[in-house]
Amino acid sequence: MFKIKFSLNKRTIIGLLIFYFIINLIFLNRFPFIHSDEPWLSGLSRNILEKKSFSVTETFFDLYKRHPHAIKILFHSTQIFFLKIFGYSIFTFRLISLIFGTITLFFFYKLCYLLLKSKKFALFSTFLLSIDVQFIYASHFARQEIILLFILILGLYSFYKNNKTDNYYRDIIIGILVGLSIGIHPNSFIISLPFGLLYLYHIFITKKLKIKNLIIYIAIVSLFALFFVFLSFKFDPNFLSNYSSYGNQFGVLSPITSKIKQIKNFYLKLYYGISGTYYTPNIKFQFYLFALVLFTTFIKLFFIKDKFKKENLLSIVLIILAINIGIIMIGRFNATSMIFLFPPFYILTTYIYMLKDFRKWKPLYGVFITVVLLITTVSNIYPYLNTSYDNYLNEIGKFVKKNDSVLANLNSEYYFENGKLYDYRNLSFLDENNISFSDYIYSHDIEYIVYSDEMDFIYNNRPVWNGIYGNLYFYYDDMQNFLNTKCNLVHEFKDNIYGIRIARYINTRDWWIKIYKVRE
């Protein structure tokens, strides 16, 4: 099914993708800024490797209770594989994302060719996706979304390449792909729904498929789901209650009516670039473009007589609808899941571009979209090109050794040895565990405290930012007293990116980071 016949055109595509890969390597560590999710994930992978067990949890959390499960086991296995080859650094784990992002573009080109029946327009659609800041962001970010996007695109390519009733091999392949994605991230649920809607569409509307095709797909995905759940119970006998309790913190168990109401705010926040700690690029142009394209698509669906084009247009609309349904049903409304919508929207954009109605304005239309996208992307990325995560770690390293025990922000975890960093999130549980700040420091043999102005800012603006580290009110005074009476200030430096985790305040003022040595 996936046999590739190389031609000059495909060699050109691969050459362009290699060039794209190399260019992105240059600023892989600079854009976007390093988010704590990245060391959170890779830190667990490192602990799994060192403890030789998938049933362990993160070493930087202790009072903040964590429970093992198998839902991300394949992602951690991938990280461990790269860790063994390239060592423990942010570059290693972002490299995984860039590799999957580049391969995604290759199969996206092949998918577009199947749908658009034109190599030129398939290349145009792929080019638009490749220069979009949201795609570059996902391809650099050491999280799972880009791998899920790869699986979605590869699955869609498989679906459209073998869209015949008796081709059960296709149903098996798609079922395996989506099933494996469960071991990458729970958002596998989002990418599973487009295939479900496509099956239903081609079973009941086009009559190209039979109910048996859908049953095979559902059965295989269900078997994988049962396997990962079974494995999770082996790691944690209370898996369901613990996993549900964790999801409930983020609204996963909220009523569906409440989730539907939140989708509007989700898109408004993305439009205005509002978030907590995640980088949210300026994608207002994409909002306008996609809204216009979707509106035009709905109109054209009533007038297009070509059956093939009409089916494909409606299929892409169904994919977009299914992804939105998935985002609503999960209910976390994480900004990183937005990337799943971009490929189908760029396919629709190219479909509109191909219409005869726009023949007169076609060159201008294509140039306009390309130029505005490039300007948008460059303007989003440029401010971060002169920043350095290594400088941040080097400043810490001037006084703190890799094997020293520290209380610090999780975003500095790549500097330290496994088990040496304790994150500030633990402190919000001091009160309920009847532990004082000083008792926590001494009981963990913490030698240094890496303290940012951010903590004072959050405390002074409470409760607005209590979601970052929990409620500081219960331990802030105790902490300040300890820093002033039981510690020596040994170093202080400014970092306007890594001195603050709240995205909207990055580079808005000077943020100072202090390193305190705990007195013996």
Protein backbone atom coordinates (compact mmCIF):
# COMPACT_ATOMS: atom_id res chain seq x y z
CA MET A 1 0.00 0.00 0.00
CA PHE A 2 2.82 2.38 0.87
CA LYS A 3 5.20 1.40 -1.90
CA ILE A 4 6.76 4.55 -3.34
CA LYS A 5 7.75 4.75 -7.00
CA PHE A 6 10.45 7.38 -7.16
CA SER A 7 10.31 9.89 -9.96
CA LEU A 8 12.04 13.17 -10.62
CA ASN A 9 9.11 14.96 -8.99
CA LYS A 10 9.28 12.88 -5.81
CA ARG A 11 13.04 13.27 -5.62
CA THR A 12 12.48 17.02 -5.87
CA ILE A 13 9.89 16.88 -3.07
CA ILE A 14 12.25 14.88 -0.87
CA GLY A 15 15.07 17.30 -1.63
CA LEU A 16 12.89 20.24 -0.66
CA LEU A 17 11.88 18.49 2.56
CA ILE A 18 15.53 17.80 3.45
CA PHE A 19 16.26 21.50 2.89
CA TYR A 20 13.24 22.39 5.04
CA PHE A 21 14.49 20.03 7.76
CA ILE A 22 17.99 21.56 7.78
CA ILE A 23 16.66 25.15 7.93
CA ASN A 24 14.46 24.24 10.91
CA LEU A 25 17.40 22.62 12.71
CA ILE A 26 19.04 26.04 12.89
CA PHE A 27 16.41 27.51 15.23
CA LEU A 28 14.98 24.30 16.69
CA ASN A 29 15.98 25.18 20.26
CA ARG A 30 15.06 28.85 19.96
CA PHE A 31 11.48 28.69 18.74
CA PRO A 32 9.21 28.30 20.54
CA PHE A 33 10.61 28.93 24.02
CA ILE A 34 11.12 25.81 26.13
CA HIS A 35 7.89 24.96 27.92
CA SER A 36 7.78 22.93 31.14
CA ASP A 37 5.72 20.25 29.37
CA GLU A 38 8.85 19.29 27.44
CA PRO A 39 11.10 18.41 30.42
CA TRP A 40 8.02 16.99 32.14
CA LEU A 41 7.64 14.41 29.38
CA SER A 42 11.32 13.76 28.72
CA GLY A 43 12.06 13.73 32.45
CA LEU A 44 9.67 10.84 32.87
CA SER A 45 11.27 9.09 29.87
CA ARG A 46 14.70 9.46 31.51
CA ASN A 47 13.38 8.06 34.79
CA ILE A 48 11.76 5.12 32.99
CA LEU A 49 15.10 4.37 31.32
CA GLU A 50 17.13 4.62 34.52
CA LYS A 51 14.65 2.66 36.65
CA LYS A 52 14.04 0.18 33.79
CA SER A 53 10.30 0.29 34.42
CA PHE A 54 7.32 1.97 32.77
CA SER A 55 5.44 1.95 36.07
CA VAL A 56 7.48 4.79 37.60
CA THR A 57 6.42 8.45 37.81
CA GLU A 58 8.26 11.77 37.58
CA THR A 59 11.05 12.33 40.13
CA PHE A 60 10.45 16.10 40.31
CA PHE A 61 6.98 15.59 41.80
CA ASP A 62 6.42 14.06 45.22
CA LEU A 63 3.69 15.94 47.11
CA TYR A 64 2.03 16.58 43.75
CA LYS A 65 0.71 13.06 43.35
CA ARG A 66 1.27 11.29 40.06
CA HIS A 67 0.07 7.86 38.96
CA PRO A 68 1.57 5.65 36.25
CA HIS A 69 -0.37 4.57 33.16
CA ALA A 70 0.32 3.20 29.68
CA ILE A 71 -1.52 5.82 27.59
CA LYS A 72 1.77 7.52 26.56
CA ILE A 73 4.01 4.47 26.66
CA LEU A 74 4.89 4.49 22.93
CA PHE A 75 5.79 8.17 23.07
CA HIS A 76 8.12 7.60 26.01
CA SER A 77 9.62 4.60 24.21
CA THR A 78 10.37 6.84 21.23
CA GLN A 79 11.98 9.44 23.47
CA ILE A 80 14.07 6.76 25.20
CA PHE A 81 15.32 5.50 21.82
CA PHE A 82 16.50 9.00 20.85
CA LEU A 83 17.85 9.67 24.35
CA LYS A 84 20.17 6.66 24.06
CA ILE A 85 21.53 7.94 20.74
CA PHE A 86 21.75 11.71 21.24
CA GLY A 87 21.82 12.13 25.01
CA TYR A 88 19.55 14.05 27.36
CA SER A 89 18.91 17.54 26.00
CA ILE A 90 16.03 19.59 24.64
CA PHE A 91 17.52 19.25 21.13
CA THR A 92 17.15 15.46 21.29
CA PHE A 93 13.44 15.56 21.98
CA ARG A 94 12.63 18.42 19.66
CA LEU A 95 14.46 16.52 16.94
CA ILE A 96 11.79 13.81 17.22
CA SER A 97 9.07 16.37 16.52
CA LEU A 98 10.95 17.87 13.58
CA ILE A 99 11.46 14.45 12.02
CA PHE A 100 7.78 13.59 12.33
CA GLY A 101 6.81 17.05 11.10
CA THR A 102 8.94 16.66 7.98
CA ILE A 103 7.59 13.18 7.23
CA THR A 104 4.07 14.52 7.78
CA LEU A 105 4.66 17.05 4.99
CA PHE A 106 5.68 14.24 2.63
CA PHE A 107 2.51 12.24 3.20
CA PHE A 108 0.44 15.42 3.20
CA TYR A 109 1.75 16.08 -0.32
CA LYS A 110 0.77 12.56 -1.36
CA LEU A 111 -2.67 12.97 0.24
CA CYS A 112 -3.19 16.28 -1.55
CA TYR A 113 -2.22 14.70 -4.85
CA LEU A 114 -4.86 12.01 -4.36
CA LEU A 115 -7.53 14.61 -3.60
CA LEU A 116 -6.52 17.41 -5.94
CA LYS A 117 -5.26 15.28 -8.87
CA SER A 118 -2.53 17.82 -9.49
CA LYS A 119 1.12 17.67 -8.42
CA LYS A 120 1.41 21.44 -8.77
CA PHE A 121 -1.51 22.19 -6.47
CA ALA A 122 -0.51 19.41 -4.07
CA LEU A 123 2.87 21.09 -3.76
CA PHE A 124 1.21 24.48 -3.25
CA SER A 125 -0.97 23.13 -0.44
CA THR A 126 2.02 21.44 1.20
CA PHE A 127 4.06 24.62 0.90
CA LEU A 128 1.35 26.66 2.65
CA LEU A 129 1.22 24.18 5.54
CA SER A 130 5.02 24.04 5.81
CA ILE A 131 5.44 27.82 6.21
CA ASP A 132 2.57 28.22 8.66
CA VAL A 133 3.84 29.23 12.08
CA GLN A 134 1.42 26.86 13.82
CA PHE A 135 2.87 23.89 11.94
CA ILE A 136 6.47 25.00 12.56
CA TYR A 137 5.56 25.45 16.23
CA ALA A 138 4.17 21.90 16.44
CA SER A 139 7.19 20.52 14.55
CA HIS A 140 9.56 22.08 17.09
CA PHE A 141 7.59 21.42 20.26
CA ALA A 142 8.67 18.27 22.17
CA ARG A 143 5.11 17.10 22.72
CA GLN A 144 2.95 14.46 21.04
CA GLU A 145 0.68 16.52 18.76
CA ILE A 146 2.93 16.38 15.71
CA ILE A 147 3.13 12.57 15.95
CA LEU A 148 -0.66 12.37 16.17
CA LEU A 149 -0.88 14.67 13.15
CA PHE A 150 1.48 12.37 11.26
CA ILE A 151 -0.77 9.41 12.10
CA LEU A 152 -3.87 11.36 11.02
CA ILE A 153 -2.33 12.33 7.66
CA LEU A 154 -0.91 8.86 7.02
CA GLY A 155 -4.28 7.32 7.89
CA LEU A 156 -6.13 9.68 5.54
CA TYR A 157 -3.66 8.91 2.77
CA SER A 158 -4.31 5.21 3.30
CA PHE A 159 -8.06 5.79 3.32
CA TYR A 160 -8.20 7.72 0.04
CA LYS A 161 -5.61 5.60 -1.74
CA ASN A 162 -7.64 2.43 -1.27
CA ASN A 163 -11.24 3.58 -1.08
CA LYS A 164 -12.82 0.31 -2.20
CA THR A 165 -15.45 -1.77 -0.44
CA ASP A 166 -13.57 -5.07 -0.37
CA ASN A 167 -10.22 -3.60 0.68
CA TYR A 168 -10.23 -4.67 4.30
CA TYR A 169 -6.45 -4.27 4.40
CA ARG A 170 -7.05 -0.51 4.41
CA ASP A 171 -9.40 -0.80 7.41
CA ILE A 172 -6.84 -2.89 9.27
CA ILE A 173 -4.03 -0.39 8.56
CA ILE A 174 -6.10 2.59 9.70
CA GLY A 175 -7.27 0.70 12.79
CA ILE A 176 -3.68 -0.17 13.71
CA LEU A 177 -2.50 3.41 13.16
CA VAL A 178 -5.23 4.92 15.33
CA GLY A 179 -4.85 2.11 17.86
CA LEU A 180 -1.13 2.75 18.21
CA SER A 181 -1.81 6.46 18.67
CA ILE A 182 -3.49 5.65 21.99
CA GLY A 183 0.00 4.86 23.23
CA ILE A 184 1.11 8.34 22.17
CA HIS A 185 -1.47 10.62 23.82
CA PRO A 186 -5.14 10.63 24.90
CA ASN A 187 -5.81 13.11 22.06
CA SER A 188 -5.76 10.03 19.85
CA PHE A 189 -9.51 10.22 20.42
CA ILE A 190 -9.58 13.45 18.39
CA ILE A 191 -7.85 11.91 15.37
CA SER A 192 -9.99 8.77 15.55
CA LEU A 193 -13.25 10.65 14.90
CA PRO A 194 -12.48 11.88 11.34
CA PHE A 195 -12.13 8.27 10.21
CA GLY A 196 -15.41 7.37 11.90
CA LEU A 197 -17.28 10.15 10.10
CA LEU A 198 -15.61 9.30 6.77
CA TYR A 199 -16.66 5.67 7.13
CA LEU A 200 -20.24 6.70 7.92
CA TYR A 201 -20.30 9.11 4.97
CA HIS A 202 -19.09 6.51 2.50
CA ILE A 203 -21.34 3.80 3.94
CA PHE A 204 -24.63 5.67 3.99
CA ILE A 205 -24.18 8.48 1.44
CA THR A 206 -21.78 7.44 -1.33
CA LYS A 207 -22.37 3.70 -0.76
CA LYS A 208 -18.69 3.03 -1.50
CA LEU A 209 -18.12 1.19 1.76
CA LYS A 210 -20.03 -1.31 3.85
CA ILE A 211 -20.75 -1.46 7.54
CA LYS A 212 -18.19 -4.29 7.76
CA ASN A 213 -15.41 -1.81 6.94
CA LEU A 214 -16.39 0.35 9.91
CA ILE A 215 -16.73 -2.65 12.21
CA ILE A 216 -13.19 -3.80 11.38
CA TYR A 217 -11.84 -0.31 12.09
CA ILE A 218 -13.71 0.00 15.41
CA ALA A 219 -12.80 -3.53 16.48
CA ILE A 220 -9.07 -3.02 15.94
CA VAL A 221 -9.00 0.36 17.69
CA SER A 222 -11.01 -1.14 20.58
CA LEU A 223 -8.55 -4.01 20.96
CA PHE A 224 -5.67 -1.56 21.20
CA ALA A 225 -7.61 0.55 23.70
CA LEU A 226 -8.29 -2.51 25.85
CA PHE A 227 -4.60 -3.46 25.71
CA PHE A 228 -3.44 -0.03 26.90
CA VAL A 229 -6.10 0.03 29.63
CA PHE A 230 -5.10 -3.48 30.75
CA LEU A 231 -1.45 -2.41 30.85
CA SER A 232 -2.41 0.70 32.83
CA PHE A 233 -4.15 -1.46 35.43
CA LYS A 234 -0.95 -3.51 35.74
CA PHE A 235 0.91 -0.27 36.54
CA ASP A 236 -1.82 1.12 38.80
CA PRO A 237 -4.72 -1.00 40.15
CA ASN A 238 -6.68 2.25 40.69
CA PHE A 239 -5.99 3.49 37.15
CA LEU A 240 -9.56 4.49 36.25
CA SER A 241 -10.29 6.46 39.40
CA ASN A 242 -6.86 8.16 39.41
CA TYR A 243 -6.96 8.97 35.70
CA SER A 244 -10.52 10.27 35.94
CA SER A 245 -9.63 12.39 38.95
CA TYR A 246 -6.72 13.94 37.06
CA GLY A 247 -8.88 14.63 33.99
CA ASN A 248 -11.56 16.19 36.14
CA GLN A 249 -9.10 18.95 37.12
CA PHE A 250 -9.15 20.09 33.48
CA GLY A 251 -12.87 19.80 32.82
CA VAL A 252 -12.76 16.45 31.03
CA LEU A 253 -15.70 15.16 33.09
CA SER A 254 -17.78 18.33 32.71
CA PRO A 255 -21.24 18.00 31.11
CA ILE A 256 -21.21 18.07 27.31
CA THR A 257 -23.42 21.18 27.32
CA SER A 258 -20.78 23.01 29.32
CA LYS A 259 -18.07 21.88 26.90
CA ILE A 260 -20.03 23.08 23.88
CA LYS A 261 -20.30 26.54 25.42
CA GLN A 262 -16.53 26.65 25.95
CA ILE A 263 -15.62 26.10 22.30
CA LYS A 264 -16.36 29.76 21.52
CA ASN A 265 -13.95 30.99 24.21
CA PHE A 266 -11.40 28.44 23.01
CA TYR A 267 -11.31 29.99 19.55
CA LEU A 268 -11.50 33.55 20.87
CA LYS A 269 -8.42 32.93 23.02
CA LEU A 270 -6.56 31.47 20.05
CA TYR A 271 -7.59 34.43 17.90
CA TYR A 272 -6.35 36.97 20.44
CA GLY A 273 -3.32 34.86 21.40
CA ILE A 274 -4.41 34.45 25.01
CA SER A 275 -3.08 31.52 27.03
CA GLY A 276 -1.59 30.63 30.37
CA THR A 277 1.89 29.22 29.84
CA TYR A 278 1.71 27.94 26.25
CA TYR A 279 3.11 29.94 23.37
CA THR A 280 0.22 31.06 21.16
CA PRO A 281 1.31 32.59 17.84
CA ASN A 282 -0.54 35.38 16.09
CA ILE A 283 -2.76 33.47 13.65
CA LYS A 284 -5.46 36.06 13.00
CA PHE A 285 -4.80 35.88 9.26
CA GLN A 286 -5.41 32.13 9.30
CA PHE A 287 -8.71 32.70 11.11
CA TYR A 288 -9.86 35.08 8.38
CA LEU A 289 -8.55 32.85 5.61
CA PHE A 290 -10.08 29.64 6.94
CA ALA A 291 -13.42 31.31 7.70
CA LEU A 292 -13.58 32.68 4.14
CA VAL A 293 -12.55 29.35 2.64
CA LEU A 294 -15.11 27.42 4.69
CA PHE A 295 -17.87 29.86 3.76
CA THR A 296 -16.94 29.60 0.06
CA THR A 297 -16.82 25.81 0.33
CA PHE A 298 -20.37 25.63 1.68
CA ILE A 299 -21.60 27.75 -1.22
CA LYS A 300 -19.71 25.71 -3.82
CA LEU A 301 -21.07 22.43 -2.47
CA PHE A 302 -24.48 23.43 -3.83
CA PHE A 303 -23.20 24.20 -7.33
CA ILE A 304 -20.37 21.76 -8.04
CA LYS A 305 -21.53 19.09 -10.48
CA ASP A 306 -18.31 17.07 -10.52
CA LYS A 307 -19.13 14.14 -8.23
CA PHE A 308 -15.48 13.43 -7.35
CA LYS A 309 -14.77 17.02 -6.30
CA LYS A 310 -18.02 17.31 -4.38
CA GLU A 311 -17.34 14.12 -2.41
CA ASN A 312 -13.82 15.22 -1.57
CA LEU A 313 -14.90 18.70 -0.52
CA LEU A 314 -17.59 17.30 1.74
CA SER A 315 -15.12 14.76 3.14
CA ILE A 316 -12.68 17.51 4.16
CA VAL A 317 -15.51 19.47 5.80
CA LEU A 318 -16.46 16.32 7.73
CA ILE A 319 -12.85 15.94 8.89
CA ILE A 320 -12.88 19.51 10.22
CA LEU A 321 -16.22 18.88 11.91
CA ALA A 322 -15.00 15.64 13.49
CA ILE A 323 -11.87 17.27 14.91
CA ASN A 324 -13.97 19.99 16.51
CA ILE A 325 -16.31 17.37 17.96
CA GLY A 326 -13.28 15.58 19.41
CA ILE A 327 -11.90 18.76 20.98
CA ILE A 328 -15.31 19.46 22.54
CA MET A 329 -15.82 15.92 23.85
CA ILE A 330 -12.40 15.76 25.49
CA GLY A 331 -13.01 19.19 26.98
CA ARG A 332 -9.44 20.24 27.81
CA PHE A 333 -9.35 22.86 25.03
CA ASN A 334 -5.59 22.78 24.86
CA ALA A 335 -4.16 25.29 22.37
CA THR A 336 -1.72 22.69 21.02
CA SER A 337 -4.60 20.60 19.58
CA MET A 338 -5.35 23.41 17.11
CA ILE A 339 -2.74 21.98 14.72
CA PHE A 340 -5.06 19.11 13.70
CA LEU A 341 -7.30 21.58 11.85
CA PHE A 342 -4.63 23.21 9.70
CA PRO A 343 -3.99 20.47 7.10
CA PRO A 344 -7.67 20.02 6.10
CA PHE A 345 -8.12 23.79 5.95
CA TYR A 346 -5.15 24.16 3.62
CA ILE A 347 -6.59 21.45 1.39
CA LEU A 348 -9.83 23.44 1.22
CA THR A 349 -7.83 26.62 0.55
CA THR A 350 -6.17 24.96 -2.42
CA TYR A 351 -9.49 23.57 -3.67
CA ILE A 352 -10.89 27.11 -3.77
CA TYR A 353 -7.69 28.28 -5.43
CA MET A 354 -8.25 25.72 -8.20
CA LEU A 355 -11.80 26.83 -9.01
CA LYS A 356 -12.42 28.28 -12.47
CA ASP A 357 -14.28 31.19 -10.85
CA PHE A 358 -10.95 32.50 -9.59
CA ARG A 359 -8.97 31.92 -12.80
CA LYS A 360 -8.54 35.67 -13.42
CA TRP A 361 -7.28 36.32 -9.88
CA LYS A 362 -5.48 33.01 -9.36
CA PRO A 363 -1.87 34.32 -9.49
CA LEU A 364 -2.71 37.23 -7.18
CA TYR A 365 -4.62 34.94 -4.80
CA GLY A 366 -1.69 32.53 -4.49
CA VAL A 367 0.94 35.23 -4.08
CA PHE A 368 -1.15 37.10 -1.52
CA ILE A 369 -1.69 34.07 0.71
CA THR A 370 1.97 33.05 0.46
CA VAL A 371 3.35 36.50 1.23
CA VAL A 372 1.01 37.15 4.18
CA LEU A 373 1.72 33.70 5.64
CA LEU A 374 5.47 34.27 5.34
CA ILE A 375 5.21 37.70 6.98
CA THR A 376 3.05 36.25 9.77
CA THR A 377 5.46 33.39 10.38
CA VAL A 378 8.61 35.52 10.33
CA SER A 379 7.04 38.12 12.65
CA ASN A 380 6.13 35.35 15.12
CA ILE A 381 9.51 33.63 15.05
CA TYR A 382 11.94 36.55 14.76
CA PRO A 383 11.65 37.81 18.38
CA TYR A 384 12.92 34.46 19.64
CA LEU A 385 15.93 34.05 17.35
CA ASN A 386 18.20 36.08 19.64
CA THR A 387 17.26 34.12 22.74
CA SER A 388 19.15 31.16 24.17
CA TYR A 389 17.95 28.44 26.48
CA ASP A 390 21.57 27.38 26.96
CA ASN A 391 22.39 30.80 28.43
CA TYR A 392 19.66 30.26 31.00
CA LEU A 393 21.10 26.89 32.03
CA ASN A 394 24.67 28.23 31.96
CA GLU A 395 23.74 30.98 34.41
CA ILE A 396 22.39 28.37 36.81
CA GLY A 397 25.48 26.24 36.21
CA LYS A 398 27.82 29.02 37.37
CA PHE A 399 26.99 28.20 41.00
CA VAL A 400 24.95 24.98 40.97
CA LYS A 401 26.31 21.58 40.00
CA LYS A 402 24.31 19.06 37.99
CA ASN A 403 24.16 16.68 40.94
CA ASP A 404 23.07 19.28 43.51
CA SER A 405 19.53 18.94 44.87
CA VAL A 406 17.46 22.01 44.02
CA LEU A 407 14.04 23.56 44.27
CA ALA A 408 13.56 25.15 40.87
CA ASN A 409 11.28 25.74 37.92
CA LEU A 410 10.77 22.60 35.87
CA ASN A 411 11.97 24.40 32.73
CA SER A 412 15.55 24.09 34.05
CA GLU A 413 15.32 20.30 34.41
CA TYR A 414 17.57 19.58 31.40
CA TYR A 415 20.58 20.87 33.36
CA PHE A 416 20.25 18.52 36.32
CA GLU A 417 20.78 14.84 36.87
CA ASN A 418 17.69 12.67 37.29
CA GLY A 419 16.04 13.06 40.69
CA LYS A 420 17.88 16.24 41.67
CA LEU A 421 15.20 18.83 40.87
CA TYR A 422 12.00 19.39 42.83
CA ASP A 423 9.37 21.54 41.14
CA TYR A 424 7.46 24.40 42.76
CA ARG A 425 4.13 22.64 42.06
CA ASN A 426 4.82 20.43 45.07
CA LEU A 427 4.63 23.38 47.45
CA SER A 428 0.91 23.94 47.04
CA PHE A 429 0.39 20.60 48.84
CA LEU A 430 2.48 21.52 51.89
CA ASP A 431 -0.54 22.67 53.90
CA GLU A 432 -2.67 19.57 53.36
CA ASN A 433 0.32 17.39 54.27
CA ASN A 434 1.01 19.50 57.38
CA ILE A 435 4.58 20.24 56.25
CA SER A 436 6.32 23.59 56.60
CA PHE A 437 8.45 25.05 53.82
CA SER A 438 11.63 24.62 55.86
CA ASP A 439 10.78 21.00 56.71
CA TYR A 440 10.29 20.29 53.01
CA ILE A 441 13.68 21.80 52.10
CA TYR A 442 15.61 19.97 54.81
CA SER A 443 13.82 16.63 54.41
CA HIS A 444 14.78 16.59 50.71
CA ASP A 445 18.37 17.71 51.36
CA ILE A 446 17.83 20.64 49.00
CA GLU A 447 21.05 22.64 48.65
CA TYR A 448 19.96 25.45 46.31
CA ILE A 449 16.75 27.32 45.59
CA VAL A 450 16.40 28.86 42.12
CA TYR A 451 13.86 31.62 42.67
CA SER A 452 12.25 33.88 40.08
CA ASP A 453 10.45 37.23 40.36
CA GLU A 454 7.56 35.31 38.86
CA MET A 455 6.67 33.89 42.28
CA ASP A 456 6.26 37.38 43.74
CA PHE A 457 4.21 38.48 40.73
CA ILE A 458 1.86 35.49 41.05
CA TYR A 459 1.45 36.03 44.79
CA ASN A 460 0.74 39.74 44.42
CA ASN A 461 -1.84 39.07 41.69
CA ARG A 462 -3.51 36.07 43.32
CA PRO A 463 -5.78 34.28 42.65
CA VAL A 464 -5.54 35.03 38.90
CA TRP A 465 -2.50 32.82 38.31
CA ASN A 466 -3.04 30.16 40.97
CA GLY A 467 -3.26 27.59 38.19
CA ILE A 468 0.48 27.89 37.51
CA TYR A 469 1.89 26.56 40.81
CA GLY A 470 -1.21 26.28 42.95
CA ASN A 471 -2.12 28.70 45.73
CA LEU A 472 1.02 30.39 47.07
CA TYR A 473 -0.86 31.95 49.97
CA PHE A 474 -0.34 28.99 52.31
CA TYR A 475 3.46 28.94 52.10
CA TYR A 476 4.63 32.27 50.62
CA ASP A 477 5.46 34.04 53.93
CA ASP A 478 7.14 30.90 55.27
CA MET A 479 9.19 30.67 52.07
CA GLN A 480 10.24 34.33 52.19
CA ASN A 481 11.29 33.99 55.82
CA PHE A 482 13.36 30.91 54.98
CA LEU A 483 15.08 32.64 52.03
CA ASN A 484 15.93 35.65 54.19
CA THR A 485 17.12 33.82 57.32
CA LYS A 486 18.28 30.36 56.24
CA CYS A 487 19.84 31.06 52.83
CA ASN A 488 22.59 33.11 51.19
CA LEU A 489 22.04 34.84 47.88
CA VAL A 490 24.91 33.63 45.66
CA HIS A 491 23.86 34.73 42.20
CA GLU A 492 21.28 36.83 40.40
CA PHE A 493 20.64 37.14 36.68
CA LYS A 494 18.05 38.47 34.27
CA ASP A 495 16.12 36.31 31.81
CA ASN A 496 13.01 37.83 30.29
CA ILE A 497 11.85 34.53 28.79
CA TYR A 498 12.70 31.82 31.31
CA GLY A 499 12.22 34.06 34.34
CA ILE A 500 8.44 33.97 33.76
CA ARG A 501 6.22 31.10 32.68
CA ILE A 502 3.13 33.21 31.98
CA ALA A 503 3.28 33.61 28.19
CA ARG A 504 1.70 37.07 27.95
CA TYR A 505 4.36 38.60 30.22
CA ILE A 506 7.40 37.18 28.45
CA ASN A 507 9.69 39.99 27.23
CA THR A 508 7.40 42.64 28.71
CA ARG A 509 9.76 43.64 31.54
CA ASP A 510 12.94 42.49 33.27
CA TRP A 511 12.48 39.22 35.11
CA TRP A 512 15.19 38.39 37.63
CA ILE A 513 16.19 34.94 38.83
CA LYS A 514 17.98 34.53 42.15
CA ILE A 515 19.98 31.52 43.29
CA TYR A 516 20.02 30.91 47.04
CA LYS A 517 22.41 28.56 48.84
CA VAL A 518 20.72 26.82 51.78
CA ARG A 519 22.79 27.13 54.91
CA GLU A 520 23.81 23.90 56.53
